[in-house]
Amino acid sequence: SAIIFFRPRKFSKNPFNIGNIVVSSSTSWSIIVESKNSGFLV
């Protein structure tokens, strides 16, 4: 789980990297992503 914090500024970089996920798997896999706020920063 990761919490995204954002402070809007006139010159905010967009888009931006909020982090990296490293997957190491010896079998098949998939990733599921869910947003608590349905894709909105509140």
Full PDB file with SEQRES, HELIX, SHEET, SSBOND, CRYST1, ORIGX, SCALE, CONECT and MASTER records, all heavy atoms in Angstrom:
SEQRES   1 A   42  SER ALA ILE ILE PHE PHE ARG PRO ARG LYS PHE SER LYS          
SEQRES   2 A   42  ASN PRO PHE ASN ILE GLY ASN ILE VAL VAL SER SER SER          
SEQRES   3 A   42  THR SER TRP SER ILE ILE VAL GLU SER LYS ASN SER GLY          
SEQRES   4 A   42  PHE LEU VAL                                                  
CRYST1    1.000    1.000    1.000  90.00  90.00  90.00 P 1           1          
ORIGX1      1.000000  0.000000  0.000000        0.00000                         
ORIGX2      0.000000  1.000000  0.000000        0.00000                         
ORIGX3      0.000000  0.000000  1.000000        0.00000                         
SCALE1      1.000000  0.000000  0.000000        0.00000                         
SCALE2      0.000000  1.000000  0.000000        0.00000                         
SCALE3      0.000000  0.000000  1.000000        0.00000                         
ATOM      1  N   SER A   1       0.841  -1.187   0.000  1.00  0.00           N  
ATOM      2  CA  SER A   1       0.000   0.000   0.000  1.00  0.00           C  
ATOM      3  C   SER A   1       0.878   1.239   0.000  1.00  0.00           C  
ATOM      4  O   SER A   1       1.910   1.265   0.653  1.00  0.00           O  
ATOM      5  CB  SER A   1      -0.919   0.033   1.220  1.00  0.00           C  
ATOM      6  OG  SER A   1      -1.861  -0.998   1.145  1.00  0.00           O  
ATOM      7  N   ALA A   2       0.462   2.235  -0.729  1.00  0.00           N  
ATOM      8  CA  ALA A   2       1.198   3.496  -0.779  1.00  0.00           C  
ATOM      9  C   ALA A   2       0.205   4.639  -0.722  1.00  0.00           C  
ATOM     10  O   ALA A   2      -0.840   4.588  -1.356  1.00  0.00           O  
ATOM     11  CB  ALA A   2       2.008   3.583  -2.067  1.00  0.00           C  
ATOM     12  N   ILE A   3       0.537   5.630   0.063  1.00  0.00           N  
ATOM     13  CA  ILE A   3      -0.290   6.831   0.115  1.00  0.00           C  
ATOM     14  C   ILE A   3       0.373   7.875  -0.766  1.00  0.00           C  
ATOM     15  O   ILE A   3       1.571   8.113  -0.663  1.00  0.00           O  
ATOM     16  CB  ILE A   3      -0.433   7.355   1.552  1.00  0.00           C  
ATOM     17  CG1 ILE A   3      -1.139   6.314   2.417  1.00  0.00           C  
ATOM     18  CG2 ILE A   3      -1.192   8.676   1.563  1.00  0.00           C  
ATOM     19  CD1 ILE A   3      -1.244   6.697   3.871  1.00  0.00           C  
ATOM     20  N   ILE A   4      -0.404   8.467  -1.652  1.00  0.00           N  
ATOM     21  CA  ILE A   4       0.102   9.519  -2.524  1.00  0.00           C  
ATOM     22  C   ILE A   4      -0.239  10.854  -1.876  1.00  0.00           C  
ATOM     23  O   ILE A   4      -1.403  11.126  -1.575  1.00  0.00           O  
ATOM     24  CB  ILE A   4      -0.571   9.466  -3.913  1.00  0.00           C  
ATOM     25  CG1 ILE A   4      -0.344   8.113  -4.565  1.00  0.00           C  
ATOM     26  CG2 ILE A   4      -0.068  10.592  -4.796  1.00  0.00           C  
ATOM     27  CD1 ILE A   4      -1.185   7.912  -5.807  1.00  0.00           C  
ATOM     28  N   PHE A   5       0.758  11.680  -1.641  1.00  0.00           N  
ATOM     29  CA  PHE A   5       0.550  13.041  -1.162  1.00  0.00           C  
ATOM     30  C   PHE A   5       0.947  13.985  -2.282  1.00  0.00           C  
ATOM     31  O   PHE A   5       1.956  13.778  -2.942  1.00  0.00           O  
ATOM     32  CB  PHE A   5       1.420  13.347   0.056  1.00  0.00           C  
ATOM     33  CG  PHE A   5       1.032  12.592   1.288  1.00  0.00           C  
ATOM     34  CD1 PHE A   5       1.717  11.457   1.659  1.00  0.00           C  
ATOM     35  CD2 PHE A   5      -0.017  13.027   2.071  1.00  0.00           C  
ATOM     36  CE1 PHE A   5       1.376  10.758   2.793  1.00  0.00           C  
ATOM     37  CE2 PHE A   5      -0.373  12.335   3.215  1.00  0.00           C  
ATOM     38  CZ  PHE A   5       0.325  11.200   3.585  1.00  0.00           C  
ATOM     39  N   PHE A   6       0.179  15.022  -2.483  1.00  0.00           N  
ATOM     40  CA  PHE A   6       0.483  15.972  -3.546  1.00  0.00           C  
ATOM     41  C   PHE A   6       0.139  17.372  -3.084  1.00  0.00           C  
ATOM     42  O   PHE A   6      -0.937  17.606  -2.543  1.00  0.00           O  
ATOM     43  CB  PHE A   6      -0.314  15.629  -4.809  1.00  0.00           C  
ATOM     44  CG  PHE A   6      -0.123  16.618  -5.914  1.00  0.00           C  
ATOM     45  CD1 PHE A   6       1.067  16.668  -6.613  1.00  0.00           C  
ATOM     46  CD2 PHE A   6      -1.115  17.514  -6.233  1.00  0.00           C  
ATOM     47  CE1 PHE A   6       1.262  17.584  -7.622  1.00  0.00           C  
ATOM     48  CE2 PHE A   6      -0.934  18.436  -7.245  1.00  0.00           C  
ATOM     49  CZ  PHE A   6       0.261  18.467  -7.940  1.00  0.00           C  
ATOM     50  N   ARG A   7       1.058  18.287  -3.259  1.00  0.00           N  
ATOM     51  CA  ARG A   7       0.813  19.703  -2.981  1.00  0.00           C  
ATOM     52  C   ARG A   7       0.851  20.434  -4.320  1.00  0.00           C  
ATOM     53  O   ARG A   7       1.919  20.538  -4.931  1.00  0.00           O  
ATOM     54  CB  ARG A   7       1.889  20.265  -2.053  1.00  0.00           C  
ATOM     55  CG  ARG A   7       1.881  19.670  -0.683  1.00  0.00           C  
ATOM     56  CD  ARG A   7       2.959  20.357   0.162  1.00  0.00           C  
ATOM     57  NE  ARG A   7       3.238  19.626   1.364  1.00  0.00           N  
ATOM     58  CZ  ARG A   7       2.550  19.713   2.495  1.00  0.00           C  
ATOM     59  NH1 ARG A   7       1.510  20.496   2.565  1.00  0.00           N  
ATOM     60  NH2 ARG A   7       2.883  19.015   3.555  1.00  0.00           N  
ATOM     61  N   PRO A   8      -0.312  20.927  -4.777  1.00  0.00           N  
ATOM     62  CA  PRO A   8      -0.318  21.594  -6.087  1.00  0.00           C  
ATOM     63  C   PRO A   8       0.512  22.875  -6.059  1.00  0.00           C  
ATOM     64  O   PRO A   8       0.430  23.650  -5.131  1.00  0.00           O  
ATOM     65  CB  PRO A   8      -1.794  21.887  -6.336  1.00  0.00           C  
ATOM     66  CG  PRO A   8      -2.457  21.803  -5.021  1.00  0.00           C  
ATOM     67  CD  PRO A   8      -1.627  20.912  -4.155  1.00  0.00           C  
ATOM     68  N   ARG A   9       1.335  23.024  -7.065  1.00  0.00           N  
ATOM     69  CA  ARG A   9       2.132  24.228  -7.246  1.00  0.00           C  
ATOM     70  C   ARG A   9       2.008  24.660  -8.690  1.00  0.00           C  
ATOM     71  O   ARG A   9       1.716  23.849  -9.563  1.00  0.00           O  
ATOM     72  CB  ARG A   9       3.606  23.955  -6.918  1.00  0.00           C  
ATOM     73  CG  ARG A   9       3.860  23.781  -5.446  1.00  0.00           C  
ATOM     74  CD  ARG A   9       5.350  23.578  -5.208  1.00  0.00           C  
ATOM     75  NE  ARG A   9       5.456  22.283  -4.550  1.00  0.00           N  
ATOM     76  CZ  ARG A   9       6.329  21.354  -4.823  1.00  0.00           C  
ATOM     77  NH1 ARG A   9       7.227  21.546  -5.742  1.00  0.00           N  
ATOM     78  NH2 ARG A   9       6.336  20.225  -4.173  1.00  0.00           N  
ATOM     79  N   LYS A  10       2.256  25.897  -8.916  1.00  0.00           N  
ATOM     80  CA  LYS A  10       2.126  26.425 -10.267  1.00  0.00           C  
ATOM     81  C   LYS A  10       2.983  25.647 -11.262  1.00  0.00           C  
ATOM     82  O   LYS A  10       2.600  25.436 -12.394  1.00  0.00           O  
ATOM     83  CB  LYS A  10       2.507  27.906 -10.264  1.00  0.00           C  
ATOM     84  CG  LYS A  10       2.261  28.596 -11.576  1.00  0.00           C  
ATOM     85  CD  LYS A  10       2.535  30.070 -11.467  1.00  0.00           C  
ATOM     86  CE  LYS A  10       2.237  30.749 -12.784  1.00  0.00           C  
ATOM     87  NZ  LYS A  10       2.499  32.177 -12.732  1.00  0.00           N  
ATOM     88  N   PHE A  11       4.157  25.204 -10.829  1.00  0.00           N  
ATOM     89  CA  PHE A  11       5.074  24.550 -11.749  1.00  0.00           C  
ATOM     90  C   PHE A  11       5.276  23.077 -11.404  1.00  0.00           C  
ATOM     91  O   PHE A  11       6.355  22.547 -11.571  1.00  0.00           O  
ATOM     92  CB  PHE A  11       6.415  25.291 -11.758  1.00  0.00           C  
ATOM     93  CG  PHE A  11       6.277  26.721 -12.177  1.00  0.00           C  
ATOM     94  CD1 PHE A  11       6.395  27.742 -11.249  1.00  0.00           C  
ATOM     95  CD2 PHE A  11       5.994  27.057 -13.495  1.00  0.00           C  
ATOM     96  CE1 PHE A  11       6.252  29.069 -11.634  1.00  0.00           C  
ATOM     97  CE2 PHE A  11       5.852  28.376 -13.876  1.00  0.00           C  
ATOM     98  CZ  PHE A  11       5.975  29.388 -12.949  1.00  0.00           C  
ATOM     99  N   SER A  12       4.237  22.410 -10.925  1.00  0.00           N  
ATOM    100  CA  SER A  12       4.359  20.992 -10.595  1.00  0.00           C  
ATOM    101  C   SER A  12       4.677  20.183 -11.843  1.00  0.00           C  
ATOM    102  O   SER A  12       4.091  20.393 -12.904  1.00  0.00           O  
ATOM    103  CB  SER A  12       3.060  20.463  -9.974  1.00  0.00           C  
ATOM    104  OG  SER A  12       2.848  21.034  -8.716  1.00  0.00           O  
ATOM    105  N   LYS A  13       5.617  19.263 -11.707  1.00  0.00           N  
ATOM    106  CA  LYS A  13       5.987  18.391 -12.817  1.00  0.00           C  
ATOM    107  C   LYS A  13       4.842  17.415 -13.072  1.00  0.00           C  
ATOM    108  O   LYS A  13       4.284  16.847 -12.146  1.00  0.00           O  
ATOM    109  CB  LYS A  13       7.258  17.637 -12.434  1.00  0.00           C  
ATOM    110  CG  LYS A  13       7.813  16.767 -13.515  1.00  0.00           C  
ATOM    111  CD  LYS A  13       9.091  16.093 -13.030  1.00  0.00           C  
ATOM    112  CE  LYS A  13       9.597  15.120 -14.044  1.00  0.00           C  
ATOM    113  NZ  LYS A  13      10.743  14.372 -13.540  1.00  0.00           N  
ATOM    114  N   ASN A  14       4.506  17.207 -14.314  1.00  0.00           N  
ATOM    115  CA  ASN A  14       3.398  16.327 -14.667  1.00  0.00           C  
ATOM    116  C   ASN A  14       3.722  15.678 -16.010  1.00  0.00           C  
ATOM    117  O   ASN A  14       3.936  16.393 -16.975  1.00  0.00           O  
ATOM    118  CB  ASN A  14       2.112  17.148 -14.774  1.00  0.00           C  
ATOM    119  CG  ASN A  14       0.870  16.305 -14.822  1.00  0.00           C  
ATOM    120  OD1 ASN A  14       0.801  15.227 -14.280  1.00  0.00           O  
ATOM    121  ND2 ASN A  14      -0.138  16.824 -15.490  1.00  0.00           N  
ATOM    122  N   PRO A  15       3.793  14.390 -16.179  1.00  0.00           N  
ATOM    123  CA  PRO A  15       3.605  13.334 -15.169  1.00  0.00           C  
ATOM    124  C   PRO A  15       4.832  13.177 -14.272  1.00  0.00           C  
ATOM    125  O   PRO A  15       5.892  13.729 -14.562  1.00  0.00           O  
ATOM    126  CB  PRO A  15       3.400  12.081 -16.008  1.00  0.00           C  
ATOM    127  CG  PRO A  15       4.138  12.339 -17.276  1.00  0.00           C  
ATOM    128  CD  PRO A  15       4.050  13.835 -17.507  1.00  0.00           C  
ATOM    129  N   PHE A  16       4.684  12.397 -13.195  1.00  0.00           N  
ATOM    130  CA  PHE A  16       5.825  12.172 -12.329  1.00  0.00           C  
ATOM    131  C   PHE A  16       5.829  10.763 -11.753  1.00  0.00           C  
ATOM    132  O   PHE A  16       4.799  10.118 -11.633  1.00  0.00           O  
ATOM    133  CB  PHE A  16       5.921  13.233 -11.228  1.00  0.00           C  
ATOM    134  CG  PHE A  16       4.682  13.399 -10.405  1.00  0.00           C  
ATOM    135  CD1 PHE A  16       4.539  12.750  -9.198  1.00  0.00           C  
ATOM    136  CD2 PHE A  16       3.659  14.228 -10.834  1.00  0.00           C  
ATOM    137  CE1 PHE A  16       3.406  12.908  -8.428  1.00  0.00           C  
ATOM    138  CE2 PHE A  16       2.520  14.403 -10.067  1.00  0.00           C  
ATOM    139  CZ  PHE A  16       2.398  13.740  -8.870  1.00  0.00           C  
ATOM    140  N   ASN A  17       7.053  10.316 -11.437  1.00  0.00           N  
ATOM    141  CA  ASN A  17       7.270   8.966 -10.906  1.00  0.00           C  
ATOM    142  C   ASN A  17       7.073   9.002  -9.401  1.00  0.00           C  
ATOM    143  O   ASN A  17       7.739   9.763  -8.713  1.00  0.00           O  
ATOM    144  CB  ASN A  17       8.694   8.521 -11.257  1.00  0.00           C  
ATOM    145  CG  ASN A  17       8.989   7.099 -10.834  1.00  0.00           C  
ATOM    146  OD1 ASN A  17       8.426   6.575  -9.891  1.00  0.00           O  
ATOM    147  ND2 ASN A  17       9.908   6.472 -11.533  1.00  0.00           N  
ATOM    148  N   ILE A  18       6.179   8.163  -8.889  1.00  0.00           N  
ATOM    149  CA  ILE A  18       5.982   8.131  -7.440  1.00  0.00           C  
ATOM    150  C   ILE A  18       6.703   6.961  -6.789  1.00  0.00           C  
ATOM    151  O   ILE A  18       6.673   6.821  -5.572  1.00  0.00           O  
ATOM    152  CB  ILE A  18       4.484   8.136  -7.048  1.00  0.00           C  
ATOM    153  CG1 ILE A  18       3.769   6.897  -7.542  1.00  0.00           C  
ATOM    154  CG2 ILE A  18       3.812   9.397  -7.537  1.00  0.00           C  
ATOM    155  CD1 ILE A  18       2.399   6.738  -6.938  1.00  0.00           C  
ATOM    156  N   GLY A  19       7.366   6.133  -7.586  1.00  0.00           N  
ATOM    157  CA  GLY A  19       8.130   5.029  -7.025  1.00  0.00           C  
ATOM    158  C   GLY A  19       8.273   3.892  -8.020  1.00  0.00           C  
ATOM    159  O   GLY A  19       7.713   3.935  -9.121  1.00  0.00           O  
ATOM    160  N   ASN A  20       9.033   2.882  -7.637  1.00  0.00           N  
ATOM    161  CA  ASN A  20       9.249   1.716  -8.479  1.00  0.00           C  
ATOM    162  C   ASN A  20       8.806   0.467  -7.738  1.00  0.00           C  
ATOM    163  O   ASN A  20       9.005   0.357  -6.530  1.00  0.00           O  
ATOM    164  CB  ASN A  20      10.722   1.580  -8.854  1.00  0.00           C  
ATOM    165  CG  ASN A  20      11.182   2.718  -9.730  1.00  0.00           C  
ATOM    166  OD1 ASN A  20      10.485   3.145 -10.629  1.00  0.00           O  
ATOM    167  ND2 ASN A  20      12.357   3.235  -9.460  1.00  0.00           N  
ATOM    168  N   ILE A  21       8.232  -0.457  -8.473  1.00  0.00           N  
ATOM    169  CA  ILE A  21       7.857  -1.759  -7.931  1.00  0.00           C  
ATOM    170  C   ILE A  21       8.761  -2.774  -8.621  1.00  0.00           C  
ATOM    171  O   ILE A  21       8.898  -2.756  -9.846  1.00  0.00           O  
ATOM    172  CB  ILE A  21       6.379  -2.070  -8.218  1.00  0.00           C  
ATOM    173  CG1 ILE A  21       5.494  -1.052  -7.517  1.00  0.00           C  
ATOM    174  CG2 ILE A  21       6.027  -3.491  -7.807  1.00  0.00           C  
ATOM    175  CD1 ILE A  21       4.045  -1.103  -7.931  1.00  0.00           C  
ATOM    176  N   VAL A  22       9.389  -3.635  -7.842  1.00  0.00           N  
ATOM    177  CA  VAL A  22      10.233  -4.683  -8.412  1.00  0.00           C  
ATOM    178  C   VAL A  22       9.548  -6.021  -8.169  1.00  0.00           C  
ATOM    179  O   VAL A  22       9.274  -6.386  -7.025  1.00  0.00           O  
ATOM    180  CB  VAL A  22      11.648  -4.686  -7.798  1.00  0.00           C  
ATOM    181  CG1 VAL A  22      12.483  -5.813  -8.402  1.00  0.00           C  
ATOM    182  CG2 VAL A  22      12.324  -3.339  -8.019  1.00  0.00           C  
ATOM    183  N   VAL A  23       9.245  -6.724  -9.250  1.00  0.00           N  
ATOM    184  CA  VAL A  23       8.598  -8.033  -9.166  1.00  0.00           C  
ATOM    185  C   VAL A  23       9.640  -9.098  -9.464  1.00  0.00           C  
ATOM    186  O   VAL A  23      10.338  -9.027 -10.480  1.00  0.00           O  
ATOM    187  CB  VAL A  23       7.435  -8.145 -10.173  1.00  0.00           C  
ATOM    188  CG1 VAL A  23       6.800  -9.532 -10.113  1.00  0.00           C  
ATOM    189  CG2 VAL A  23       6.399  -7.057  -9.930  1.00  0.00           C  
ATOM    190  N   SER A  24       9.737 -10.068  -8.574  1.00  0.00           N  
ATOM    191  CA  SER A  24      10.603 -11.226  -8.784  1.00  0.00           C  
ATOM    192  C   SER A  24       9.741 -12.462  -8.562  1.00  0.00           C  
ATOM    193  O   SER A  24       9.286 -12.708  -7.449  1.00  0.00           O  
ATOM    194  CB  SER A  24      11.777 -11.194  -7.803  1.00  0.00           C  
ATOM    195  OG  SER A  24      12.607 -12.308  -8.025  1.00  0.00           O  
ATOM    196  N   SER A  25       9.483 -13.199  -9.619  1.00  0.00           N  
ATOM    197  CA  SER A  25       8.572 -14.329  -9.532  1.00  0.00           C  
ATOM    198  C   SER A  25       9.069 -15.485 -10.396  1.00  0.00           C  
ATOM    199  O   SER A  25       9.446 -15.282 -11.548  1.00  0.00           O  
ATOM    200  CB  SER A  25       7.169 -13.914  -9.989  1.00  0.00           C  
ATOM    201  OG  SER A  25       6.285 -15.005  -9.933  1.00  0.00           O  
ATOM    202  N   SER A  26       9.030 -16.683  -9.841  1.00  0.00           N  
ATOM    203  CA  SER A  26       9.433 -17.874 -10.596  1.00  0.00           C  
ATOM    204  C   SER A  26       8.235 -18.516 -11.297  1.00  0.00           C  
ATOM    205  O   SER A  26       8.390 -19.522 -11.988  1.00  0.00           O  
ATOM    206  CB  SER A  26      10.096 -18.884  -9.663  1.00  0.00           C  
ATOM    207  OG  SER A  26       9.195 -19.265  -8.642  1.00  0.00           O  
ATOM    208  N   THR A  27       7.048 -17.927 -11.111  1.00  0.00           N  
ATOM    209  CA  THR A  27       5.836 -18.425 -11.766  1.00  0.00           C  
ATOM    210  C   THR A  27       5.148 -17.281 -12.499  1.00  0.00           C  
ATOM    211  O   THR A  27       5.569 -16.126 -12.402  1.00  0.00           O  
ATOM    212  CB  THR A  27       4.848 -19.019 -10.736  1.00  0.00           C  
ATOM    213  OG1 THR A  27       4.412 -17.971  -9.863  1.00  0.00           O  
ATOM    214  CG2 THR A  27       5.488 -20.131  -9.914  1.00  0.00           C  
ATOM    215  N   SER A  28       4.067 -17.586 -13.191  1.00  0.00           N  
ATOM    216  CA  SER A  28       3.273 -16.544 -13.840  1.00  0.00           C  
ATOM    217  C   SER A  28       2.667 -15.644 -12.775  1.00  0.00           C  
ATOM    218  O   SER A  28       2.423 -16.073 -11.645  1.00  0.00           O  
ATOM    219  CB  SER A  28       2.175 -17.173 -14.684  1.00  0.00           C  
ATOM    220  OG  SER A  28       2.740 -17.938 -15.724  1.00  0.00           O  
ATOM    221  N   TRP A  29       2.388 -14.395 -13.157  1.00  0.00           N  
ATOM    222  CA  TRP A  29       1.884 -13.435 -12.185  1.00  0.00           C  
ATOM    223  C   TRP A  29       1.115 -12.318 -12.884  1.00  0.00           C  
ATOM    224  O   TRP A  29       1.202 -12.138 -14.088  1.00  0.00           O  
ATOM    225  CB  TRP A  29       3.038 -12.837 -11.362  1.00  0.00           C  
ATOM    226  CG  TRP A  29       4.086 -12.179 -12.219  1.00  0.00           C  
ATOM    227  CD1 TRP A  29       5.109 -12.794 -12.878  1.00  0.00           C  
ATOM    228  CD2 TRP A  29       4.172 -10.797 -12.555  1.00  0.00           C  
ATOM    229  NE1 TRP A  29       5.843 -11.868 -13.594  1.00  0.00           N  
ATOM    230  CE2 TRP A  29       5.297 -10.634 -13.403  1.00  0.00           C  
ATOM    231  CE3 TRP A  29       3.429  -9.666 -12.216  1.00  0.00           C  
ATOM    232  CZ2 TRP A  29       5.674  -9.401 -13.920  1.00  0.00           C  
ATOM    233  CZ3 TRP A  29       3.814  -8.430 -12.718  1.00  0.00           C  
ATOM    234  CH2 TRP A  29       4.923  -8.305 -13.566  1.00  0.00           C  
ATOM    235  N   SER A  30       0.363 -11.570 -12.096  1.00  0.00           N  
ATOM    236  CA  SER A  30      -0.291 -10.349 -12.564  1.00  0.00           C  
ATOM    237  C   SER A  30      -0.316  -9.368 -11.404  1.00  0.00           C  
ATOM    238  O   SER A  30      -0.074  -9.746 -10.252  1.00  0.00           O  
ATOM    239  CB  SER A  30      -1.703 -10.624 -13.083  1.00  0.00           C  
ATOM    240  OG  SER A  30      -2.535 -11.059 -12.038  1.00  0.00           O  
ATOM    241  N   ILE A  31      -0.577  -8.125 -11.703  1.00  0.00           N  
ATOM    242  CA  ILE A  31      -0.653  -7.088 -10.671  1.00  0.00           C  
ATOM    243  C   ILE A  31      -2.061  -6.510 -10.665  1.00  0.00           C  
ATOM    244  O   ILE A  31      -2.659  -6.275 -11.725  1.00  0.00           O  
ATOM    245  CB  ILE A  31       0.381  -5.971 -10.919  1.00  0.00           C  
ATOM    246  CG1 ILE A  31       1.782  -6.502 -10.642  1.00  0.00           C  
ATOM    247  CG2 ILE A  31       0.095  -4.748 -10.052  1.00  0.00           C  
ATOM    248  CD1 ILE A  31       2.874  -5.467 -10.719  1.00  0.00           C  
ATOM    249  N   ILE A  32      -2.561  -6.292  -9.469  1.00  0.00           N  
ATOM    250  CA  ILE A  32      -3.873  -5.666  -9.256  1.00  0.00           C  
ATOM    251  C   ILE A  32      -3.629  -4.343  -8.541  1.00  0.00           C  
ATOM    252  O   ILE A  32      -2.906  -4.298  -7.540  1.00  0.00           O  
ATOM    253  CB  ILE A  32      -4.776  -6.574  -8.403  1.00  0.00           C  
ATOM    254  CG1 ILE A  32      -4.940  -7.937  -9.085  1.00  0.00           C  
ATOM    255  CG2 ILE A  32      -6.118  -5.911  -8.139  1.00  0.00           C  
ATOM    256  CD1 ILE A  32      -5.522  -9.002  -8.181  1.00  0.00           C  
ATOM    257  N   VAL A  33      -4.220  -3.261  -9.056  1.00  0.00           N  
ATOM    258  CA  VAL A  33      -4.073  -1.942  -8.437  1.00  0.00           C  
ATOM    259  C   VAL A  33      -5.462  -1.408  -8.118  1.00  0.00           C  
ATOM    260  O   VAL A  33      -6.334  -1.379  -8.991  1.00  0.00           O  
ATOM    261  CB  VAL A  33      -3.330  -0.949  -9.361  1.00  0.00           C  
ATOM    262  CG1 VAL A  33      -3.171   0.401  -8.682  1.00  0.00           C  
ATOM    263  CG2 VAL A  33      -1.979  -1.506  -9.777  1.00  0.00           C  
ATOM    264  N   GLU A  34      -5.645  -0.982  -6.862  1.00  0.00           N  
ATOM    265  CA  GLU A  34      -6.910  -0.389  -6.426  1.00  0.00           C  
ATOM    266  C   GLU A  34      -6.647   0.962  -5.791  1.00  0.00           C  
ATOM    267  O   GLU A  34      -5.655   1.145  -5.090  1.00  0.00           O  
ATOM    268  CB  GLU A  34      -7.608  -1.283  -5.405  1.00  0.00           C  
ATOM    269  CG  GLU A  34      -8.093  -2.589  -5.965  1.00  0.00           C  
ATOM    270  CD  GLU A  34      -8.809  -3.411  -4.917  1.00  0.00           C  
ATOM    271  OE1 GLU A  34      -8.133  -3.868  -3.975  1.00  0.00           O  
ATOM    272  OE2 GLU A  34     -10.029  -3.593  -5.048  1.00  0.00           O  
ATOM    273  N   SER A  35      -7.561   1.890  -6.017  1.00  0.00           N  
ATOM    274  CA  SER A  35      -7.487   3.235  -5.460  1.00  0.00           C  
ATOM    275  C   SER A  35      -8.612   3.416  -4.448  1.00  0.00           C  
ATOM    276  O   SER A  35      -9.775   3.136  -4.751  1.00  0.00           O  
ATOM    277  CB  SER A  35      -7.640   4.260  -6.584  1.00  0.00           C  
ATOM    278  OG  SER A  35      -7.989   5.525  -6.069  1.00  0.00           O  
ATOM    279  N   LYS A  36      -8.274   3.881  -3.265  1.00  0.00           N  
ATOM    280  CA  LYS A  36      -9.297   4.130  -2.245  1.00  0.00           C  
ATOM    281  C   LYS A  36     -10.296   5.192  -2.707  1.00  0.00           C  
ATOM    282  O   LYS A  36     -11.474   5.118  -2.405  1.00  0.00           O  
ATOM    283  CB  LYS A  36      -8.636   4.577  -0.940  1.00  0.00           C  
ATOM    284  CG  LYS A  36      -9.616   4.865   0.165  1.00  0.00           C  
ATOM    285  CD  LYS A  36      -8.923   5.300   1.438  1.00  0.00           C  
ATOM    286  CE  LYS A  36      -9.942   5.628   2.509  1.00  0.00           C  
ATOM    287  NZ  LYS A  36      -9.283   6.168   3.710  1.00  0.00           N  
ATOM    288  N   ASN A  37      -9.811   6.186  -3.476  1.00  0.00           N  
ATOM    289  CA  ASN A  37     -10.650   7.310  -3.903  1.00  0.00           C  
ATOM    290  C   ASN A  37     -11.007   7.258  -5.390  1.00  0.00           C  
ATOM    291  O   ASN A  37     -11.242   8.298  -6.005  1.00  0.00           O  
ATOM    292  CB  ASN A  37      -9.955   8.638  -3.579  1.00  0.00           C  
ATOM    293  CG  ASN A  37      -9.744   8.826  -2.102  1.00  0.00           C  
ATOM    294  OD1 ASN A  37     -10.588   8.478  -1.291  1.00  0.00           O  
ATOM    295  ND2 ASN A  37      -8.594   9.357  -1.727  1.00  0.00           N  
ATOM    296  N   SER A  38     -11.036   6.070  -5.961  1.00  0.00           N  
ATOM    297  CA  SER A  38     -11.445   5.868  -7.359  1.00  0.00           C  
ATOM    298  C   SER A  38     -10.661   6.716  -8.351  1.00  0.00           C  
ATOM    299  O   SER A  38     -11.214   7.233  -9.323  1.00  0.00           O  
ATOM    300  CB  SER A  38     -12.944   6.124  -7.521  1.00  0.00           C  
ATOM    301  OG  SER A  38     -13.678   5.239  -6.713  1.00  0.00           O  
ATOM    302  N   GLY A  39      -9.354   6.864  -8.120  1.00  0.00           N  
ATOM    303  CA  GLY A  39      -8.515   7.585  -9.069  1.00  0.00           C  
ATOM    304  C   GLY A  39      -8.504   9.086  -8.892  1.00  0.00           C  
ATOM    305  O   GLY A  39      -8.145   9.816  -9.809  1.00  0.00           O  
ATOM    306  N   PHE A  40      -8.866   9.560  -7.701  1.00  0.00           N  
ATOM    307  CA  PHE A  40      -8.813  10.987  -7.395  1.00  0.00           C  
ATOM    308  C   PHE A  40      -7.887  11.222  -6.208  1.00  0.00           C  
ATOM    309  O   PHE A  40      -7.900  10.453  -5.241  1.00  0.00           O  
ATOM    310  CB  PHE A  40     -10.198  11.533  -7.025  1.00  0.00           C  
ATOM    311  CG  PHE A  40     -11.119  11.687  -8.181  1.00  0.00           C  
ATOM    312  CD1 PHE A  40     -11.958  10.650  -8.554  1.00  0.00           C  
ATOM    313  CD2 PHE A  40     -11.158  12.865  -8.909  1.00  0.00           C  
ATOM    314  CE1 PHE A  40     -12.832  10.781  -9.622  1.00  0.00           C  
ATOM    315  CE2 PHE A  40     -12.022  13.006  -9.987  1.00  0.00           C  
ATOM    316  CZ  PHE A  40     -12.857  11.963 -10.343  1.00  0.00           C  
ATOM    317  N   LEU A  41      -7.089  12.284  -6.294  1.00  0.00           N  
ATOM    318  CA  LEU A  41      -6.390  12.796  -5.128  1.00  0.00           C  
ATOM    319  C   LEU A  41      -7.366  13.741  -4.442  1.00  0.00           C  
ATOM    320  O   LEU A  41      -7.925  14.632  -5.090  1.00  0.00           O  
ATOM    321  CB  LEU A  41      -5.123  13.542  -5.536  1.00  0.00           C  
ATOM    322  CG  LEU A  41      -4.053  12.697  -6.221  1.00  0.00           C  
ATOM    323  CD1 LEU A  41      -2.956  13.591  -6.792  1.00  0.00           C  
ATOM    324  CD2 LEU A  41      -3.474  11.688  -5.257  1.00  0.00           C  
ATOM    325  N   VAL A  42      -7.603  13.547  -3.151  1.00  0.00           N  
ATOM    326  CA  VAL A  42      -8.626  14.294  -2.419  1.00  0.00           C  
ATOM    327  C   VAL A  42      -7.954  15.223  -1.413  1.00  0.00           C  
ATOM    328  O   VAL A  42      -7.055  14.794  -0.668  1.00  0.00           O  
ATOM    329  CB  VAL A  42      -9.597  13.328  -1.703  1.00  0.00           C  
ATOM    330  CG1 VAL A  42     -10.646  14.097  -0.917  1.00  0.00           C  
ATOM    331  CG2 VAL A  42     -10.266  12.409  -2.721  1.00  0.00           C  
TER     332      VAL A  42                                                      
MASTER        0    0    0    0    0    0    0    6  331    1    0    4          
END                                                                             
